[in-house]
């Protein structure tokens, strides 16, 4: 969705990505909350999950700022 919306510069496609990324972020938080008390998981698994959560937030913010840039470009014309 991101590549297509960047090529075509359509902001509705970005909204699809933003919505799915919020769902992914919530699922990662829930799974990390469930995994922490479990003693069978390694520290590596929890570290990878935390990194994935941070990257998810970062890419959501980048996409959200690009979404506003696309909306401003369309309204300026």
N, C-alpha and C. Protein backbone atom coordinates (compact mmCIF):
# COMPACT_ATOMS: atom_id res chain seq x y z
N UNK A 1 0.82 -1.19 0.00
CA UNK A 1 0.00 0.00 0.00
C UNK A 1 0.86 1.25 0.00
N UNK A 2 1.95 1.21 0.73
CA UNK A 2 2.79 2.41 0.79
C UNK A 2 3.45 2.69 -0.55
N UNK A 3 3.97 1.66 -1.21
CA UNK A 3 4.62 1.88 -2.50
C UNK A 3 3.62 2.38 -3.54
N UNK A 4 2.45 1.80 -3.56
CA UNK A 4 1.43 2.20 -4.51
C UNK A 4 0.96 3.63 -4.25
N UNK A 5 0.74 3.97 -2.99
CA UNK A 5 0.27 5.32 -2.68
C UNK A 5 1.36 6.35 -2.95
N UNK A 6 2.62 5.98 -2.81
CA UNK A 6 3.71 6.91 -3.12
C UNK A 6 3.82 7.13 -4.63
N UNK A 7 3.57 6.09 -5.40
CA UNK A 7 3.66 6.21 -6.86
C UNK A 7 2.50 7.01 -7.42
N UNK A 8 1.31 6.78 -6.88
CA UNK A 8 0.11 7.42 -7.41
C UNK A 8 -0.25 8.69 -6.64
N UNK A 9 0.31 8.83 -5.44
CA UNK A 9 0.03 9.94 -4.52
C UNK A 9 -1.45 10.03 -4.20
N UNK A 10 -1.98 8.91 -3.71
CA UNK A 10 -3.38 8.86 -3.28
C UNK A 10 -3.41 8.67 -1.77
N UNK A 11 -4.00 9.62 -1.06
CA UNK A 11 -4.02 9.53 0.39
C UNK A 11 -4.96 8.46 0.95
N UNK A 12 -6.05 8.05 0.26
CA UNK A 12 -6.86 6.97 0.83
C UNK A 12 -6.12 5.65 1.01
N UNK A 13 -5.15 5.38 0.15
CA UNK A 13 -4.36 4.17 0.31
C UNK A 13 -3.50 4.23 1.56
N UNK A 14 -3.07 5.43 1.92
CA UNK A 14 -2.31 5.58 3.15
C UNK A 14 -3.16 5.32 4.37
N UNK A 15 -4.44 5.68 4.29
CA UNK A 15 -5.34 5.42 5.41
C UNK A 15 -5.50 3.92 5.67
N UNK A 16 -5.48 3.13 4.61
CA UNK A 16 -5.56 1.68 4.77
C UNK A 16 -4.33 1.18 5.52
N UNK A 17 -3.16 1.66 5.13
CA UNK A 17 -1.94 1.25 5.83
C UNK A 17 -1.96 1.71 7.29
N UNK A 18 -2.37 2.94 7.54
CA UNK A 18 -2.41 3.45 8.91
C UNK A 18 -3.34 2.62 9.79
N UNK A 19 -4.48 2.25 9.24
CA UNK A 19 -5.44 1.45 10.02
C UNK A 19 -4.88 0.06 10.32
N UNK A 20 -4.27 -0.58 9.33
CA UNK A 20 -3.73 -1.91 9.56
C UNK A 20 -2.52 -1.87 10.49
N UNK A 21 -1.77 -0.79 10.44
CA UNK A 21 -0.61 -0.67 11.33
C UNK A 21 -1.06 -0.46 12.78
N UNK A 22 -2.16 0.23 12.99
CA UNK A 22 -2.69 0.38 14.35
C UNK A 22 -3.12 -0.98 14.90
N UNK A 23 -3.77 -1.77 14.06
CA UNK A 23 -4.18 -3.11 14.48
C UNK A 23 -2.96 -3.97 14.81
N UNK A 24 -1.93 -3.88 13.96
CA UNK A 24 -0.70 -4.65 14.21
C UNK A 24 -0.03 -4.19 15.51
N UNK A 25 -0.01 -2.89 15.74
CA UNK A 25 0.59 -2.35 16.96
C UNK A 25 -0.15 -2.87 18.20
N UNK A 26 -1.47 -2.85 18.16
CA UNK A 26 -2.25 -3.34 19.29
C UNK A 26 -2.03 -4.84 19.53
N UNK A 27 -1.96 -5.61 18.46
CA UNK A 27 -1.69 -7.04 18.61
C UNK A 27 -0.29 -7.31 19.17
N UNK A 28 0.68 -6.51 18.78
CA UNK A 28 2.02 -6.67 19.32
C UNK A 28 2.06 -6.34 20.81
N UNK A 29 1.36 -5.29 21.20
CA UNK A 29 1.32 -4.92 22.61
C UNK A 29 0.65 -6.03 23.43
N UNK A 30 -0.46 -6.54 22.93
CA UNK A 30 -1.18 -7.60 23.64
C UNK A 30 -0.32 -8.86 23.73
N UNK A 31 0.33 -9.23 22.64
CA UNK A 31 1.16 -10.44 22.67
C UNK A 31 2.37 -10.25 23.59
N UNK A 32 2.95 -9.07 23.62
CA UNK A 32 4.08 -8.83 24.53
C UNK A 32 3.61 -8.88 25.97
N UNK A 33 2.43 -8.38 26.25
CA UNK A 33 1.88 -8.42 27.61
C UNK A 33 1.62 -9.85 28.06
N UNK A 34 1.20 -10.69 27.13
CA UNK A 34 0.94 -12.09 27.46
C UNK A 34 2.25 -12.86 27.60
N UNK A 35 3.25 -12.52 26.78
CA UNK A 35 4.51 -13.27 26.78
C UNK A 35 5.38 -12.98 28.00
N UNK A 36 5.28 -11.81 28.58
CA UNK A 36 6.19 -11.44 29.67
C UNK A 36 6.09 -12.39 30.86
N UNK A 37 4.90 -12.73 31.35
CA UNK A 37 4.86 -13.65 32.50
C UNK A 37 5.27 -15.08 32.16
N UNK A 38 5.24 -15.45 30.92
CA UNK A 38 5.56 -16.82 30.52
C UNK A 38 7.08 -17.02 30.62
N UNK A 39 7.49 -18.03 31.34
CA UNK A 39 8.92 -18.29 31.56
C UNK A 39 9.58 -19.03 30.40
N UNK A 40 8.79 -19.57 29.49
CA UNK A 40 9.36 -20.37 28.39
C UNK A 40 9.98 -19.49 27.31
N UNK A 41 9.59 -18.25 27.23
CA UNK A 41 10.11 -17.38 26.17
C UNK A 41 11.49 -16.85 26.53
N UNK A 42 12.29 -16.74 25.51
CA UNK A 42 13.63 -16.24 25.73
C UNK A 42 13.65 -14.71 25.69
N UNK A 43 14.72 -14.16 26.17
CA UNK A 43 14.90 -12.71 26.14
C UNK A 43 14.98 -12.23 24.69
N UNK A 44 15.48 -13.06 23.80
CA UNK A 44 15.57 -12.71 22.39
C UNK A 44 14.19 -12.45 21.80
N UNK A 45 13.21 -13.30 22.12
CA UNK A 45 11.86 -13.14 21.61
C UNK A 45 11.24 -11.83 22.08
N UNK A 46 11.42 -11.53 23.35
CA UNK A 46 10.89 -10.29 23.89
C UNK A 46 11.59 -9.07 23.30
N UNK A 47 12.88 -9.16 23.07
CA UNK A 47 13.62 -8.05 22.47
C UNK A 47 13.16 -7.80 21.04
N UNK A 48 12.98 -8.86 20.28
CA UNK A 48 12.50 -8.72 18.90
C UNK A 48 11.10 -8.10 18.88
N UNK A 49 10.25 -8.49 19.81
CA UNK A 49 8.91 -7.93 19.89
C UNK A 49 8.96 -6.45 20.23
N UNK A 50 9.81 -6.06 21.16
CA UNK A 50 9.94 -4.63 21.51
C UNK A 50 10.48 -3.82 20.34
N UNK A 51 11.44 -4.35 19.63
CA UNK A 51 11.97 -3.65 18.45
C UNK A 51 10.89 -3.51 17.39
N UNK A 52 10.09 -4.56 17.22
CA UNK A 52 9.00 -4.52 16.25
C UNK A 52 7.97 -3.47 16.63
N UNK A 53 7.68 -3.33 17.92
CA UNK A 53 6.74 -2.31 18.39
C UNK A 53 7.29 -0.92 18.10
N UNK A 54 8.57 -0.70 18.39
CA UNK A 54 9.17 0.62 18.13
C UNK A 54 9.20 0.95 16.64
N UNK A 55 9.53 -0.03 15.82
CA UNK A 55 9.52 0.21 14.37
C UNK A 55 8.12 0.47 13.85
N UNK A 56 7.15 -0.20 14.42
CA UNK A 56 5.76 0.02 14.01
C UNK A 56 5.32 1.46 14.31
N UNK A 57 5.68 1.95 15.48
CA UNK A 57 5.35 3.34 15.83
C UNK A 57 6.07 4.31 14.92
N UNK A 58 7.34 4.05 14.64
CA UNK A 58 8.12 4.93 13.78
C UNK A 58 7.53 5.00 12.37
N UNK A 59 7.24 3.85 11.77
CA UNK A 59 6.70 3.85 10.42
C UNK A 59 5.30 4.44 10.37
N UNK A 60 4.53 4.28 11.45
CA UNK A 60 3.20 4.90 11.49
C UNK A 60 3.33 6.42 11.49
N UNK A 61 4.27 6.95 12.27
CA UNK A 61 4.47 8.41 12.30
C UNK A 61 4.96 8.95 10.96
N UNK A 62 5.86 8.23 10.33
CA UNK A 62 6.36 8.65 9.01
C UNK A 62 5.23 8.63 7.99
N UNK A 63 4.43 7.60 8.00
CA UNK A 63 3.31 7.49 7.06
C UNK A 63 2.27 8.55 7.33
N UNK A 64 2.01 8.82 8.60
CA UNK A 64 1.03 9.84 8.95
C UNK A 64 1.49 11.23 8.49
N UNK A 65 2.75 11.54 8.63
CA UNK A 65 3.25 12.83 8.16
C UNK A 65 3.20 12.91 6.63
N UNK A 66 3.49 11.80 5.95
CA UNK A 66 3.39 11.77 4.49
C UNK A 66 1.93 11.92 4.05
N UNK A 67 1.02 11.33 4.83
CA UNK A 67 -0.42 11.48 4.54
C UNK A 67 -0.83 12.95 4.58
N UNK A 68 -0.40 13.68 5.59
CA UNK A 68 -0.74 15.10 5.67
C UNK A 68 -0.08 15.90 4.55
N UNK A 69 1.12 15.50 4.16
CA UNK A 69 1.79 16.17 3.05
C UNK A 69 1.02 15.95 1.75
N UNK A 70 0.53 14.74 1.52
CA UNK A 70 -0.26 14.45 0.32
C UNK A 70 -1.58 15.22 0.33
N UNK A 71 -2.21 15.32 1.47
CA UNK A 71 -3.48 16.06 1.56
C UNK A 71 -3.26 17.54 1.28
N UNK A 72 -2.16 18.12 1.79
CA UNK A 72 -1.88 19.52 1.54
C UNK A 72 -1.55 19.77 0.08
N UNK A 73 -0.87 18.83 -0.57
CA UNK A 73 -0.54 18.97 -1.98
C UNK A 73 -1.79 18.95 -2.83
N UNK A 74 -2.74 18.10 -2.50
CA UNK A 74 -3.97 17.99 -3.26
C UNK A 74 -4.83 19.24 -3.06
N UNK A 75 -4.88 19.79 -1.85
CA UNK A 75 -5.72 20.95 -1.60
C UNK A 75 -5.10 22.23 -2.14
N UNK A 76 -3.78 22.27 -2.39
CA UNK A 76 -3.15 23.47 -2.93
C UNK A 76 -3.45 23.65 -4.41
N UNK A 77 -3.78 22.60 -5.12
CA UNK A 77 -3.99 22.68 -6.56
C UNK A 77 -5.25 23.37 -6.86
